[in-house]
Amino acid sequence: MAASGFSKKGFEVTIDDGCLNISAESSSSNEEKDDNYTRKEFSYNSFEKRLQLPKRR
């Protein structure tokens, strides 16, 4: 499974109530100052996938 823009270490993997949960979040910001203006940019991304696991016999 690929999720561009996320580092491998940023993923959280859990199993809850028979589901495999995979999630990640990332954010970044940039600020540029000049004599006449200040420009700020930011971004926030999230990824979440839930997969139902097969029942155990």
Protein backbone atom coordinates (compact mmCIF):
# COMPACT_ATOMS: atom_id res chain seq x y z
CA MET A 1 0.00 0.00 0.00
CA ALA A 2 1.43 3.40 -0.93
CA ALA A 3 0.55 6.83 0.43
CA SER A 4 2.67 9.55 -1.13
CA GLY A 5 3.85 12.41 1.06
CA PHE A 6 4.03 10.34 4.25
CA SER A 7 7.14 8.89 5.86
CA LYS A 8 7.23 5.24 6.86
CA LYS A 9 7.79 6.17 10.52
CA GLY A 10 4.68 8.38 10.63
CA PHE A 11 2.16 5.56 10.25
CA GLU A 12 0.11 4.18 13.11
CA VAL A 13 -1.12 0.60 12.76
CA THR A 14 -3.69 -0.85 15.17
CA ILE A 15 -6.17 -3.72 15.31
CA ASP A 16 -9.53 -2.93 16.84
CA ASP A 17 -12.78 -4.91 16.82
CA GLY A 18 -11.67 -7.16 13.94
CA CYS A 19 -10.37 -4.29 11.75
CA LEU A 20 -6.84 -3.40 10.75
CA ASN A 21 -6.48 0.41 11.02
CA ILE A 22 -3.69 2.27 9.23
CA SER A 23 -3.39 6.05 9.60
CA ALA A 24 -0.91 8.88 9.19
CA GLU A 25 -0.82 12.67 9.42
CA SER A 26 1.65 15.24 8.16
CA SER A 27 1.84 19.00 8.21
CA SER A 28 4.26 21.67 7.06
CA SER A 29 4.51 25.44 7.08
CA ASN A 30 6.61 28.06 5.37
CA GLU A 31 6.94 31.78 6.07
CA GLU A 32 8.56 34.41 3.85
CA LYS A 33 9.04 37.97 5.09
CA ASP A 34 9.84 41.00 2.98
CA ASP A 35 9.78 44.75 3.66
CA ASN A 36 6.29 45.07 2.15
CA TYR A 37 4.62 41.77 3.00
CA THR A 38 4.67 38.52 4.91
CA ARG A 39 3.60 35.34 3.14
CA LYS A 40 2.65 32.20 5.08
CA GLU A 41 1.85 28.82 3.57
CA PHE A 42 0.78 25.67 5.35
CA SER A 43 -0.52 22.25 4.47
CA TYR A 44 -2.07 19.39 6.38
CA ASN A 45 -2.61 15.88 5.07
CA SER A 46 -4.13 12.81 6.62
CA PHE A 47 -4.52 9.22 5.50
CA GLU A 48 -6.71 6.51 6.98
CA LYS A 49 -7.54 3.02 5.80
CA ARG A 50 -9.63 0.38 7.60
CA LEU A 51 -9.60 -3.24 6.48
CA GLN A 52 -11.93 -5.91 7.86
CA LEU A 53 -9.91 -8.93 8.96
CA PRO A 54 -11.22 -12.46 8.24
CA LYS A 55 -12.97 -14.25 11.09
CA ARG A 56 -10.87 -16.75 13.02
CA ARG A 57 -12.01 -20.35 13.00
